[in-house]
Amino acid sequence: PLDFLKKPFCTDDIENVLQKYNTKIERKKREEKLDIFINFQA
């Protein structure tokens, strides 16, 4: 999973979830950009 929240959680826990999501999406975008570059090669 992206994250595991144990009840009761708080706003800070949601902030951590959002940071993890954004970090993962940024990594995926870099990987996609690399894939596109590779696909345009030989």
PDB file of all heavy atoms in Angstrom:
ATOM      1  N   PRO A   1       0.839  -1.209   0.000  1.00  0.00           N
ATOM      2  CA  PRO A   1       0.000   0.000   0.000  1.00  0.00           C
ATOM      3  C   PRO A   1       0.868   1.252   0.000  1.00  0.00           C
ATOM      4  O   PRO A   1       2.059   1.196   0.345  1.00  0.00           O
ATOM      5  CB  PRO A   1      -0.782  -0.115   1.311  1.00  0.00           C
ATOM      6  CG  PRO A   1       0.152  -0.869   2.219  1.00  0.00           C
ATOM      7  CD  PRO A   1       0.839  -1.872   1.323  1.00  0.00           C
ATOM      8  N   LEU A   2       0.263   2.357  -0.399  1.00  0.00           N
ATOM      9  CA  LEU A   2       0.977   3.632  -0.328  1.00  0.00           C
ATOM     10  C   LEU A   2       1.266   3.977   1.119  1.00  0.00           C
ATOM     11  O   LEU A   2       2.343   4.475   1.450  1.00  0.00           O
ATOM     12  CB  LEU A   2       0.137   4.743  -0.970  1.00  0.00           C
ATOM     13  CG  LEU A   2       0.737   6.148  -0.918  1.00  0.00           C
ATOM     14  CD1 LEU A   2       1.962   6.237  -1.818  1.00  0.00           C
ATOM     15  CD2 LEU A   2      -0.297   7.194  -1.327  1.00  0.00           C
ATOM     16  N   ASP A   3       0.292   3.706   2.010  1.00  0.00           N
ATOM     17  CA  ASP A   3       0.469   4.007   3.426  1.00  0.00           C
ATOM     18  C   ASP A   3      -0.470   3.139   4.249  1.00  0.00           C
ATOM     19  O   ASP A   3      -1.406   2.526   3.721  1.00  0.00           O
ATOM     20  CB  ASP A   3       0.202   5.488   3.712  1.00  0.00           C
ATOM     21  CG  ASP A   3       1.030   6.017   4.881  1.00  0.00           C
ATOM     22  OD1 ASP A   3       1.542   5.189   5.659  1.00  0.00           O
ATOM     23  OD2 ASP A   3       1.162   7.240   5.023  1.00  0.00           O
ATOM     24  N   PHE A   4      -0.225   3.108   5.545  1.00  0.00           N
ATOM     25  CA  PHE A   4      -1.026   2.336   6.485  1.00  0.00           C
ATOM     26  C   PHE A   4      -1.315   3.238   7.679  1.00  0.00           C
ATOM     27  O   PHE A   4      -0.399   3.623   8.408  1.00  0.00           O
ATOM     28  CB  PHE A   4      -0.255   1.093   6.925  1.00  0.00           C
ATOM     29  CG  PHE A   4      -1.028   0.172   7.837  1.00  0.00           C
ATOM     30  CD1 PHE A   4      -1.727  -0.908   7.323  1.00  0.00           C
ATOM     31  CD2 PHE A   4      -1.060   0.390   9.199  1.00  0.00           C
ATOM     32  CE1 PHE A   4      -2.445  -1.756   8.160  1.00  0.00           C
ATOM     33  CE2 PHE A   4      -1.773  -0.442  10.041  1.00  0.00           C
ATOM     34  CZ  PHE A   4      -2.465  -1.521   9.519  1.00  0.00           C
ATOM     35  N   LEU A   5      -2.584   3.619   7.860  1.00  0.00           N
ATOM     36  CA  LEU A   5      -2.961   4.537   8.934  1.00  0.00           C
ATOM     37  C   LEU A   5      -3.696   3.771  10.030  1.00  0.00           C
ATOM     38  O   LEU A   5      -4.693   3.101   9.763  1.00  0.00           O
ATOM     39  CB  LEU A   5      -3.867   5.644   8.393  1.00  0.00           C
ATOM     40  CG  LEU A   5      -3.298   6.493   7.257  1.00  0.00           C
ATOM     41  CD1 LEU A   5      -4.301   7.578   6.869  1.00  0.00           C
ATOM     42  CD2 LEU A   5      -1.972   7.104   7.656  1.00  0.00           C
ATOM     43  N   LYS A   6      -3.203   3.883  11.248  1.00  0.00           N
ATOM     44  CA  LYS A   6      -3.859   3.239  12.374  1.00  0.00           C
ATOM     45  C   LYS A   6      -4.796   4.238  13.056  1.00  0.00           C
ATOM     46  O   LYS A   6      -4.401   5.337  13.415  1.00  0.00           O
ATOM     47  CB  LYS A   6      -2.828   2.735  13.388  1.00  0.00           C
ATOM     48  CG  LYS A   6      -3.442   1.941  14.533  1.00  0.00           C
ATOM     49  CD  LYS A   6      -2.376   1.416  15.474  1.00  0.00           C
ATOM     50  CE  LYS A   6      -3.025   0.580  16.581  1.00  0.00           C
ATOM     51  NZ  LYS A   6      -3.985   1.331  17.390  1.00  0.00           N
ATOM     52  N   LYS A   7      -6.063   3.856  13.174  1.00  0.00           N
ATOM     53  CA  LYS A   7      -7.054   4.718  13.828  1.00  0.00           C
ATOM     54  C   LYS A   7      -6.769   4.777  15.326  1.00  0.00           C
ATOM     55  O   LYS A   7      -6.386   3.775  15.930  1.00  0.00           O
ATOM     56  CB  LYS A   7      -8.464   4.162  13.596  1.00  0.00           C
ATOM     57  CG  LYS A   7      -8.877   4.075  12.133  1.00  0.00           C
ATOM     58  CD  LYS A   7     -10.255   3.427  12.010  1.00  0.00           C
ATOM     59  CE  LYS A   7     -10.692   3.275  10.560  1.00  0.00           C
ATOM     60  NZ  LYS A   7     -12.003   2.600  10.434  1.00  0.00           N
ATOM     61  N   PRO A   8      -6.965   5.953  15.969  1.00  0.00           N
ATOM     62  CA  PRO A   8      -7.367   7.217  15.326  1.00  0.00           C
ATOM     63  C   PRO A   8      -6.141   7.936  14.761  1.00  0.00           C
ATOM     64  O   PRO A   8      -5.092   7.956  15.371  1.00  0.00           O
ATOM     65  CB  PRO A   8      -7.962   8.006  16.496  1.00  0.00           C
ATOM     66  CG  PRO A   8      -7.202   7.509  17.698  1.00  0.00           C
ATOM     67  CD  PRO A   8      -6.907   6.055  17.430  1.00  0.00           C
ATOM     68  N   PHE A   9      -6.276   8.476  13.569  1.00  0.00           N
ATOM     69  CA  PHE A   9      -5.188   9.240  12.974  1.00  0.00           C
ATOM     70  C   PHE A   9      -5.551  10.717  12.971  1.00  0.00           C
ATOM     71  O   PHE A   9      -6.633  11.107  13.412  1.00  0.00           O
ATOM     72  CB  PHE A   9      -4.847   8.728  11.568  1.00  0.00           C
ATOM     73  CG  PHE A   9      -6.042   8.447  10.715  1.00  0.00           C
ATOM     74  CD1 PHE A   9      -6.671   9.458  10.017  1.00  0.00           C
ATOM     75  CD2 PHE A   9      -6.535   7.157  10.592  1.00  0.00           C
ATOM     76  CE1 PHE A   9      -7.760   9.210   9.220  1.00  0.00           C
ATOM     77  CE2 PHE A   9      -7.634   6.878   9.798  1.00  0.00           C
ATOM     78  CZ  PHE A   9      -8.257   7.917   9.109  1.00  0.00           C
ATOM     79  N   CYS A  10      -4.654  11.535  12.445  1.00  0.00           N
ATOM     80  CA  CYS A  10      -4.852  12.983  12.507  1.00  0.00           C
ATOM     81  C   CYS A  10      -4.475  13.632  11.171  1.00  0.00           C
ATOM     82  O   CYS A  10      -4.078  12.953  10.224  1.00  0.00           O
ATOM     83  CB  CYS A  10      -4.026  13.586  13.644  1.00  0.00           C
ATOM     84  SG  CYS A  10      -2.244  13.348  13.442  1.00  0.00           S
ATOM     85  N   THR A  11      -4.562  14.954  11.129  1.00  0.00           N
ATOM     86  CA  THR A  11      -4.257  15.695   9.902  1.00  0.00           C
ATOM     87  C   THR A  11      -2.820  15.482   9.448  1.00  0.00           C
ATOM     88  O   THR A  11      -2.539  15.395   8.247  1.00  0.00           O
ATOM     89  CB  THR A  11      -4.521  17.198  10.118  1.00  0.00           C
ATOM     90  OG1 THR A  11      -5.857  17.376  10.570  1.00  0.00           O
ATOM     91  CG2 THR A  11      -4.329  17.969   8.828  1.00  0.00           C
ATOM     92  N   ASP A  12      -1.895  15.385  10.404  1.00  0.00           N
ATOM     93  CA  ASP A  12      -0.488  15.164  10.044  1.00  0.00           C
ATOM     94  C   ASP A  12      -0.310  13.853   9.288  1.00  0.00           C
ATOM     95  O   ASP A  12       0.537  13.746   8.387  1.00  0.00           O
ATOM     96  CB  ASP A  12       0.388  15.166  11.296  1.00  0.00           C
ATOM     97  CG  ASP A  12       0.551  16.558  11.903  1.00  0.00           C
ATOM     98  OD1 ASP A  12       0.254  17.542  11.195  1.00  0.00           O
ATOM     99  OD2 ASP A  12       0.959  16.650  13.071  1.00  0.00           O
ATOM    100  N   ASP A  13      -1.102  12.838   9.648  1.00  0.00           N
ATOM    101  CA  ASP A  13      -1.023  11.553   8.948  1.00  0.00           C
ATOM    102  C   ASP A  13      -1.462  11.699   7.490  1.00  0.00           C
ATOM    103  O   ASP A  13      -0.878  11.093   6.587  1.00  0.00           O
ATOM    104  CB  ASP A  13      -1.895  10.515   9.654  1.00  0.00           C
ATOM    105  CG  ASP A  13      -1.398  10.195  11.052  1.00  0.00           C
ATOM    106  OD1 ASP A  13      -0.177  10.116  11.231  1.00  0.00           O
ATOM    107  OD2 ASP A  13      -2.238  10.044  11.952  1.00  0.00           O
ATOM    108  N   ILE A  14      -2.507  12.493   7.270  1.00  0.00           N
ATOM    109  CA  ILE A  14      -2.966  12.737   5.895  1.00  0.00           C
ATOM    110  C   ILE A  14      -1.912  13.510   5.114  1.00  0.00           C
ATOM    111  O   ILE A  14      -1.686  13.261   3.927  1.00  0.00           O
ATOM    112  CB  ILE A  14      -4.303  13.510   5.889  1.00  0.00           C
ATOM    113  CG1 ILE A  14      -5.359  12.767   6.712  1.00  0.00           C
ATOM    114  CG2 ILE A  14      -4.789  13.720   4.458  1.00  0.00           C
ATOM    115  CD1 ILE A  14      -5.667  11.378   6.217  1.00  0.00           C
ATOM    116  N   GLU A  15      -1.254  14.442   5.781  1.00  0.00           N
ATOM    117  CA  GLU A  15      -0.163  15.202   5.146  1.00  0.00           C
ATOM    118  C   GLU A  15       0.944  14.254   4.690  1.00  0.00           C
ATOM    119  O   GLU A  15       1.479  14.385   3.577  1.00  0.00           O
ATOM    120  CB  GLU A  15       0.396  16.222   6.135  1.00  0.00           C
ATOM    121  CG  GLU A  15       1.613  16.994   5.630  1.00  0.00           C
ATOM    122  CD  GLU A  15       1.269  17.980   4.530  1.00  0.00           C
ATOM    123  OE1 GLU A  15       0.172  18.572   4.587  1.00  0.00           O
ATOM    124  OE2 GLU A  15       2.104  18.164   3.610  1.00  0.00           O
ATOM    125  N   ASN A  16       1.266  13.260   5.507  1.00  0.00           N
ATOM    126  CA  ASN A  16       2.292  12.278   5.136  1.00  0.00           C
ATOM    127  C   ASN A  16       1.849  11.448   3.936  1.00  0.00           C
ATOM    128  O   ASN A  16       2.654  11.132   3.057  1.00  0.00           O
ATOM    129  CB  ASN A  16       2.594  11.361   6.326  1.00  0.00           C
ATOM    130  CG  ASN A  16       3.344  12.069   7.436  1.00  0.00           C
ATOM    131  OD1 ASN A  16       4.045  13.049   7.195  1.00  0.00           O
ATOM    132  ND2 ASN A  16       3.193  11.585   8.659  1.00  0.00           N
ATOM    133  N   VAL A  17       0.571  11.074   3.905  1.00  0.00           N
ATOM    134  CA  VAL A  17       0.034  10.330   2.766  1.00  0.00           C
ATOM    135  C   VAL A  17       0.193  11.147   1.488  1.00  0.00           C
ATOM    136  O   VAL A  17       0.628  10.637   0.450  1.00  0.00           O
ATOM    137  CB  VAL A  17      -1.455   9.983   2.978  1.00  0.00           C
ATOM    138  CG1 VAL A  17      -2.075   9.455   1.677  1.00  0.00           C
ATOM    139  CG2 VAL A  17      -1.611   8.950   4.085  1.00  0.00           C
ATOM    140  N   LEU A  18      -0.159  12.418   1.559  1.00  0.00           N
ATOM    141  CA  LEU A  18      -0.078  13.296   0.391  1.00  0.00           C
ATOM    142  C   LEU A  18       1.365  13.440  -0.083  1.00  0.00           C
ATOM    143  O   LEU A  18       1.647  13.409  -1.291  1.00  0.00           O
ATOM    144  CB  LEU A  18      -0.664  14.664   0.741  1.00  0.00           C
ATOM    145  CG  LEU A  18      -0.810  15.670  -0.405  1.00  0.00           C
ATOM    146  CD1 LEU A  18      -1.669  15.089  -1.524  1.00  0.00           C
ATOM    147  CD2 LEU A  18      -1.424  16.968   0.112  1.00  0.00           C
ATOM    148  N   GLN A  19       2.299  13.576   0.848  1.00  0.00           N
ATOM    149  CA  GLN A  19       3.708  13.684   0.477  1.00  0.00           C
ATOM    150  C   GLN A  19       4.203  12.405  -0.200  1.00  0.00           C
ATOM    151  O   GLN A  19       4.925  12.455  -1.203  1.00  0.00           O
ATOM    152  CB  GLN A  19       4.551  14.000   1.712  1.00  0.00           C
ATOM    153  CG  GLN A  19       4.352  15.406   2.254  1.00  0.00           C
ATOM    154  CD  GLN A  19       5.185  15.673   3.492  1.00  0.00           C
ATOM    155  OE1 GLN A  19       5.851  14.786   4.018  1.00  0.00           O
ATOM    156  NE2 GLN A  19       5.140  16.909   3.979  1.00  0.00           N
ATOM    157  N   LYS A  20       3.801  11.257   0.345  1.00  0.00           N
ATOM    158  CA  LYS A  20       4.203   9.981  -0.256  1.00  0.00           C
ATOM    159  C   LYS A  20       3.620   9.836  -1.662  1.00  0.00           C
ATOM    160  O   LYS A  20       4.291   9.350  -2.579  1.00  0.00           O
ATOM    161  CB  LYS A  20       3.745   8.818   0.625  1.00  0.00           C
ATOM    162  CG  LYS A  20       4.528   8.664   1.911  1.00  0.00           C
ATOM    163  CD  LYS A  20       4.036   7.464   2.705  1.00  0.00           C
ATOM    164  CE  LYS A  20       4.835   7.292   3.986  1.00  0.00           C
ATOM    165  NZ  LYS A  20       4.381   6.125   4.767  1.00  0.00           N
ATOM    166  N   TYR A  21       2.361  10.250  -1.822  1.00  0.00           N
ATOM    167  CA  TYR A  21       1.730  10.157  -3.135  1.00  0.00           C
ATOM    168  C   TYR A  21       2.455  11.047  -4.144  1.00  0.00           C
ATOM    169  O   TYR A  21       2.779  10.616  -5.252  1.00  0.00           O
ATOM    170  CB  TYR A  21       0.260  10.553  -3.051  1.00  0.00           C
ATOM    171  CG  TYR A  21      -0.435  10.516  -4.393  1.00  0.00           C
ATOM    172  CD1 TYR A  21      -0.863   9.315  -4.942  1.00  0.00           C
ATOM    173  CD2 TYR A  21      -0.623  11.681  -5.133  1.00  0.00           C
ATOM    174  CE1 TYR A  21      -1.472   9.262  -6.185  1.00  0.00           C
ATOM    175  CE2 TYR A  21      -1.225  11.641  -6.383  1.00  0.00           C
ATOM    176  CZ  TYR A  21      -1.651  10.429  -6.897  1.00  0.00           C
ATOM    177  OH  TYR A  21      -2.232  10.389  -8.131  1.00  0.00           O
ATOM    178  N   ASN A  22       2.707  12.290  -3.758  1.00  0.00           N
ATOM    179  CA  ASN A  22       3.376  13.228  -4.667  1.00  0.00           C
ATOM    180  C   ASN A  22       4.768  12.739  -5.043  1.00  0.00           C
ATOM    181  O   ASN A  22       5.194  12.852  -6.197  1.00  0.00           O
ATOM    182  CB  ASN A  22       3.450  14.613  -4.035  1.00  0.00           C
ATOM    183  CG  ASN A  22       2.097  15.305  -3.995  1.00  0.00           C
ATOM    184  OD1 ASN A  22       1.199  14.974  -4.754  1.00  0.00           O
ATOM    185  ND2 ASN A  22       1.943  16.269  -3.105  1.00  0.00           N
ATOM    186  N   THR A  23       5.482  12.187  -4.071  1.00  0.00           N
ATOM    187  CA  THR A  23       6.820  11.661  -4.339  1.00  0.00           C
ATOM    188  C   THR A  23       6.761  10.506  -5.328  1.00  0.00           C
ATOM    189  O   THR A  23       7.573  10.422  -6.262  1.00  0.00           O
ATOM    190  CB  THR A  23       7.480  11.183  -3.033  1.00  0.00           C
ATOM    191  OG1 THR A  23       7.627  12.296  -2.138  1.00  0.00           O
ATOM    192  CG2 THR A  23       8.853  10.579  -3.300  1.00  0.00           C
ATOM    193  N   LYS A  24       5.787   9.619  -5.148  1.00  0.00           N
ATOM    194  CA  LYS A  24       5.646   8.463  -6.036  1.00  0.00           C
ATOM    195  C   LYS A  24       5.266   8.892  -7.441  1.00  0.00           C
ATOM    196  O   LYS A  24       5.781   8.349  -8.429  1.00  0.00           O
ATOM    197  CB  LYS A  24       4.595   7.510  -5.468  1.00  0.00           C
ATOM    198  CG  LYS A  24       4.567   6.155  -6.149  1.00  0.00           C
ATOM    199  CD  LYS A  24       3.753   5.153  -5.353  1.00  0.00           C
ATOM    200  CE  LYS A  24       3.850   3.761  -5.965  1.00  0.00           C
ATOM    201  NZ  LYS A  24       3.132   2.747  -5.152  1.00  0.00           N
ATOM    202  N   ILE A  25       4.371   9.880  -7.553  1.00  0.00           N
ATOM    203  CA  ILE A  25       3.961  10.365  -8.868  1.00  0.00           C
ATOM    204  C   ILE A  25       5.131  11.032  -9.593  1.00  0.00           C
ATOM    205  O   ILE A  25       5.313  10.846 -10.805  1.00  0.00           O
ATOM    206  CB  ILE A  25       2.782  11.352  -8.739  1.00  0.00           C
ATOM    207  CG1 ILE A  25       1.528  10.611  -8.293  1.00  0.00           C
ATOM    208  CG2 ILE A  25       2.527  12.067 -10.060  1.00  0.00           C
ATOM    209  CD1 ILE A  25       1.103   9.481  -9.206  1.00  0.00           C
ATOM    210  N   GLU A  26       5.929  11.811  -8.862  1.00  0.00           N
ATOM    211  CA  GLU A  26       7.092  12.447  -9.480  1.00  0.00           C
ATOM    212  C   GLU A  26       8.064  11.392 -10.002  1.00  0.00           C
ATOM    213  O   GLU A  26       8.631  11.536 -11.090  1.00  0.00           O
ATOM    214  CB  GLU A  26       7.793  13.361  -8.463  1.00  0.00           C
ATOM    215  CG  GLU A  26       7.055  14.656  -8.169  1.00  0.00           C
ATOM    216  CD  GLU A  26       6.948  15.548  -9.398  1.00  0.00           C
ATOM    217  OE1 GLU A  26       7.849  15.507 -10.253  1.00  0.00           O
ATOM    218  OE2 GLU A  26       5.954  16.283  -9.507  1.00  0.00           O
ATOM    219  N   ARG A  27       8.243  10.313  -9.230  1.00  0.00           N
ATOM    220  CA  ARG A  27       9.140   9.245  -9.676  1.00  0.00           C
ATOM    221  C   ARG A  27       8.590   8.567 -10.921  1.00  0.00           C
ATOM    222  O   ARG A  27       9.335   8.265 -11.862  1.00  0.00           O
ATOM    223  CB  ARG A  27       9.314   8.221  -8.553  1.00  0.00           C
ATOM    224  CG  ARG A  27      10.328   7.121  -8.907  1.00  0.00           C
ATOM    225  CD  ARG A  27      10.612   6.201  -7.733  1.00  0.00           C
ATOM    226  NE  ARG A  27       9.455   5.414  -7.360  1.00  0.00           N
ATOM    227  CZ  ARG A  27       8.760   5.570  -6.242  1.00  0.00           C
ATOM    228  NH1 ARG A  27       9.118   6.524  -5.378  1.00  0.00           N
ATOM    229  NH2 ARG A  27       7.735   4.800  -5.971  1.00  0.00           N
ATOM    230  N   LYS A  28       7.269   8.331 -10.946  1.00  0.00           N
ATOM    231  CA  LYS A  28       6.650   7.720 -12.115  1.00  0.00           C
ATOM    232  C   LYS A  28       6.821   8.593 -13.354  1.00  0.00           C
ATOM    233  O   LYS A  28       7.074   8.094 -14.449  1.00  0.00           O
ATOM    234  CB  LYS A  28       5.161   7.478 -11.862  1.00  0.00           C
ATOM    235  CG  LYS A  28       4.865   6.285 -10.977  1.00  0.00           C
ATOM    236  CD  LYS A  28       3.364   6.074 -10.839  1.00  0.00           C
ATOM    237  CE  LYS A  28       3.051   4.851  -9.999  1.00  0.00           C
ATOM    238  NZ  LYS A  28       1.577   4.649  -9.859  1.00  0.00           N
ATOM    239  N   LYS A  29       6.690   9.903 -13.178  1.00  0.00           N
ATOM    240  CA  LYS A  29       6.831  10.816 -14.314  1.00  0.00           C
ATOM    241  C   LYS A  29       8.251  10.784 -14.863  1.00  0.00           C
ATOM    242  O   LYS A  29       8.449  10.809 -16.084  1.00  0.00           O
ATOM    243  CB  LYS A  29       6.461  12.241 -13.899  1.00  0.00           C
ATOM    244  CG  LYS A  29       4.962  12.457 -13.715  1.00  0.00           C
ATOM    245  CD  LYS A  29       4.667  13.896 -13.358  1.00  0.00           C
ATOM    246  CE  LYS A  29       3.169  14.131 -13.213  1.00  0.00           C
ATOM    247  NZ  LYS A  29       2.866  15.524 -12.829  1.00  0.00           N
ATOM    248  N   ARG A  30       9.236  10.707 -13.968  1.00  0.00           N
ATOM    249  CA  ARG A  30      10.621  10.615 -14.435  1.00  0.00           C
ATOM    250  C   ARG A  30      10.841   9.318 -15.199  1.00  0.00           C
ATOM    251  O   ARG A  30      11.524   9.296 -16.231  1.00  0.00           O
ATOM    252  CB  ARG A  30      11.578  10.713 -13.233  1.00  0.00           C
ATOM    253  CG  ARG A  30      11.657  12.094 -12.605  1.00  0.00           C
ATOM    254  CD  ARG A  30      12.858  12.199 -11.675  1.00  0.00           C
ATOM    255  NE  ARG A  30      12.725  11.301 -10.537  1.00  0.00           N
ATOM    256  CZ  ARG A  30      12.158  11.628  -9.388  1.00  0.00           C
ATOM    257  NH1 ARG A  30      11.649  12.839  -9.229  1.00  0.00           N
ATOM    258  NH2 ARG A  30      12.092  10.772  -8.390  1.00  0.00           N
ATOM    259  N   GLU A  31      10.235   8.229 -14.688  1.00  0.00           N
ATOM    260  CA  GLU A  31      10.372   6.939 -15.367  1.00  0.00           C
ATOM    261  C   GLU A  31       9.687   6.965 -16.736  1.00  0.00           C
ATOM    262  O   GLU A  31      10.207   6.419 -17.708  1.00  0.00           O
ATOM    263  CB  GLU A  31       9.774   5.838 -14.492  1.00  0.00           C
ATOM    264  CG  GLU A  31      10.581   5.575 -13.228  1.00  0.00           C
ATOM    265  CD  GLU A  31       9.870   4.622 -12.278  1.00  0.00           C
ATOM    266  OE1 GLU A  31       8.701   4.274 -12.557  1.00  0.00           O
ATOM    267  OE2 GLU A  31      10.480   4.238 -11.260  1.00  0.00           O
ATOM    268  N   GLU A  32       8.511   7.611 -16.802  1.00  0.00           N
ATOM    269  CA  GLU A  32       7.798   7.721 -18.076  1.00  0.00           C
ATOM    270  C   GLU A  32       8.606   8.538 -19.075  1.00  0.00           C
ATOM    271  O   GLU A  32       8.666   8.210 -20.265  1.00  0.00           O
ATOM    272  CB  GLU A  32       6.436   8.368 -17.853  1.00  0.00           C
ATOM    273  CG  GLU A  32       5.436   7.462 -17.141  1.00  0.00           C
ATOM    274  CD  GLU A  32       4.175   8.199 -16.750  1.00  0.00           C
ATOM    275  OE1 GLU A  32       4.056   9.396 -17.097  1.00  0.00           O
ATOM    276  OE2 GLU A  32       3.304   7.591 -16.099  1.00  0.00           O
ATOM    277  N   LYS A  33       9.218   9.595 -18.583  1.00  0.00           N
ATOM    278  CA  LYS A  33      10.025  10.441 -19.466  1.00  0.00           C
ATOM    279  C   LYS A  33      11.213   9.657 -20.017  1.00  0.00           C
ATOM    280  O   LYS A  33      11.555   9.764 -21.202  1.00  0.00           O
ATOM    281  CB  LYS A  33      10.514  11.666 -18.692  1.00  0.00           C
ATOM    282  CG  LYS A  33      11.127  12.744 -19.567  1.00  0.00           C
ATOM    283  CD  LYS A  33      11.413  13.991 -18.755  1.00  0.00           C
ATOM    284  CE  LYS A  33      11.948  15.112 -19.636  1.00  0.00           C
ATOM    285  NZ  LYS A  33      12.206  16.358 -18.864  1.00  0.00           N
ATOM    286  N   LEU A  34      11.809   8.826 -19.155  1.00  0.00           N
ATOM    287  CA  LEU A  34      12.923   7.988 -19.599  1.00  0.00           C
ATOM    288  C   LEU A  34      12.445   6.956 -20.611  1.00  0.00           C
ATOM    289  O   LEU A  34      13.113   6.703 -21.619  1.00  0.00           O
ATOM    290  CB  LEU A  34      13.551   7.290 -18.391  1.00  0.00           C
ATOM    291  CG  LEU A  34      14.726   6.341 -18.691  1.00  0.00           C
ATOM    292  CD1 LEU A  34      15.865   7.114 -19.367  1.00  0.00           C
ATOM    293  CD2 LEU A  34      15.201   5.677 -17.409  1.00  0.00           C
ATOM    294  N   ASP A  35      11.265   6.364 -20.366  1.00  0.00           N
ATOM    295  CA  ASP A  35      10.714   5.387 -21.311  1.00  0.00           C
ATOM    296  C   ASP A  35      10.490   6.010 -22.681  1.00  0.00           C
ATOM    297  O   ASP A  35      10.776   5.401 -23.711  1.00  0.00           O
ATOM    298  CB  ASP A  35       9.384   4.833 -20.786  1.00  0.00           C
ATOM    299  CG  ASP A  35       9.580   3.811 -19.689  1.00  0.00           C
ATOM    300  OD1 ASP A  35      10.686   3.249 -19.607  1.00  0.00           O
ATOM    301  OD2 ASP A  35       8.632   3.593 -18.911  1.00  0.00           O
ATOM    302  N   ILE A  36       9.953   7.231 -22.677  1.00  0.00           N
ATOM    303  CA  ILE A  36       9.703   7.919 -23.941  1.00  0.00           C
ATOM    304  C   ILE A  36      11.005   8.163 -24.686  1.00  0.00           C
ATOM    305  O   ILE A  36      11.100   7.981 -25.900  1.00  0.00           O
ATOM    306  CB  ILE A  36       8.966   9.248 -23.686  1.00  0.00           C
ATOM    307  CG1 ILE A  36       7.541   8.971 -23.201  1.00  0.00           C
ATOM    308  CG2 ILE A  36       8.927  10.111 -24.949  1.00  0.00           C
ATOM    309  CD1 ILE A  36       6.796  10.208 -22.755  1.00  0.00           C
ATOM    310  N   PHE A  37      12.032   8.565 -23.935  1.00  0.00           N
ATOM    311  CA  PHE A  37      13.340   8.804 -24.547  1.00  0.00           C
ATOM    312  C   PHE A  37      13.887   7.514 -25.165  1.00  0.00           C
ATOM    313  O   PHE A  37      14.357   7.501 -26.303  1.00  0.00           O
ATOM    314  CB  PHE A  37      14.324   9.330 -23.493  1.00  0.00           C
ATOM    315  CG  PHE A  37      15.741   9.431 -23.988  1.00  0.00           C
ATOM    316  CD1 PHE A  37      16.132  10.480 -24.806  1.00  0.00           C
ATOM    317  CD2 PHE A  37      16.680   8.469 -23.635  1.00  0.00           C
ATOM    318  CE1 PHE A  37      17.434  10.570 -25.269  1.00  0.00           C
ATOM    319  CE2 PHE A  37      17.977   8.551 -24.090  1.00  0.00           C
ATOM    320  CZ  PHE A  37      18.355   9.606 -24.907  1.00  0.00           C
ATOM    321  N   ILE A  38      13.780   6.425 -24.405  1.00  0.00           N
ATOM    322  CA  ILE A  38      14.302   5.138 -24.889  1.00  0.00           C
ATOM    323  C   ILE A  38      13.556   4.682 -26.131  1.00  0.00           C
ATOM    324  O   ILE A  38      14.153   4.183 -27.083  1.00  0.00           O
ATOM    325  CB  ILE A  38      14.202   4.079 -23.775  1.00  0.00           C
ATOM    326  CG1 ILE A  38      15.178   4.428 -22.639  1.00  0.00           C
ATOM    327  CG2 ILE A  38      14.490   2.686 -24.319  1.00  0.00           C
ATOM    328  CD1 ILE A  38      15.056   3.536 -21.431  1.00  0.00           C
ATOM    329  N   ASN A  39      12.222   4.904 -26.123  1.00  0.00           N
ATOM    330  CA  ASN A  39      11.404   4.453 -27.254  1.00  0.00           C
ATOM    331  C   ASN A  39      11.716   5.197 -28.544  1.00  0.00           C
ATOM    332  O   ASN A  39      11.417   4.712 -29.638  1.00  0.00           O
ATOM    333  CB  ASN A  39       9.914   4.610 -26.932  1.00  0.00           C
ATOM    334  CG  ASN A  39       9.450   3.600 -25.911  1.00  0.00           C
ATOM    335  OD1 ASN A  39      10.079   2.567 -25.739  1.00  0.00           O
ATOM    336  ND2 ASN A  39       8.368   3.895 -25.222  1.00  0.00           N
ATOM    337  N   PHE A  40      12.317   6.368 -28.421  1.00  0.00           N
ATOM    338  CA  PHE A  40      12.666   7.134 -29.610  1.00  0.00           C
ATOM    339  C   PHE A  40      14.065   6.793 -30.122  1.00  0.00           C
ATOM    340  O   PHE A  40      14.507   7.325 -31.118  1.00  0.00           O
ATOM    341  CB  PHE A  40      12.584   8.641 -29.339  1.00  0.00           C
ATOM    342  CG  PHE A  40      11.202   9.193 -29.508  1.00  0.00           C
ATOM    343  CD1 PHE A  40      10.424   9.489 -28.395  1.00  0.00           C
ATOM    344  CD2 PHE A  40      10.650   9.398 -30.763  1.00  0.00           C
ATOM    345  CE1 PHE A  40       9.139   9.986 -28.542  1.00  0.00           C
ATOM    346  CE2 PHE A  40       9.368   9.899 -30.927  1.00  0.00           C
ATOM    347  CZ  PHE A  40       8.614  10.191 -29.801  1.00  0.00           C
ATOM    348  N   GLN A  41      14.734   5.898 -29.403  1.00  0.00           N
ATOM    349  CA  GLN A  41      16.059   5.488 -29.839  1.00  0.00           C
ATOM    350  C   GLN A  41      15.923   4.377 -30.891  1.00  0.00           C
ATOM    351  O   GLN A  41      14.853   4.122 -31.429  1.00  0.00           O
ATOM    352  CB  GLN A  41      16.875   5.008 -28.636  1.00  0.00           C
ATOM    353  CG  GLN A  41      16.970   6.039 -27.518  1.00  0.00           C
ATOM    354  CD  GLN A  41      17.434   7.402 -28.004  1.00  0.00           C
ATOM    355  OE1 GLN A  41      18.495   7.522 -28.599  1.00  0.00           O
ATOM    356  NE2 GLN A  41      16.634   8.420 -27.754  1.00  0.00           N
ATOM    357  N   ALA A  42      17.008   3.715 -31.166  1.00  0.00           N
ATOM    358  CA  ALA A  42      17.009   2.660 -32.191  1.00  0.00           C
ATOM    359  C   ALA A  42      15.942   1.618 -31.880  1.00  0.00           C
ATOM    360  O   ALA A  42      15.562   1.425 -30.729  1.00  0.00           O
ATOM    361  CB  ALA A  42      18.396   1.997 -32.228  1.00  0.00           C
TER     362      ALA A  42
END
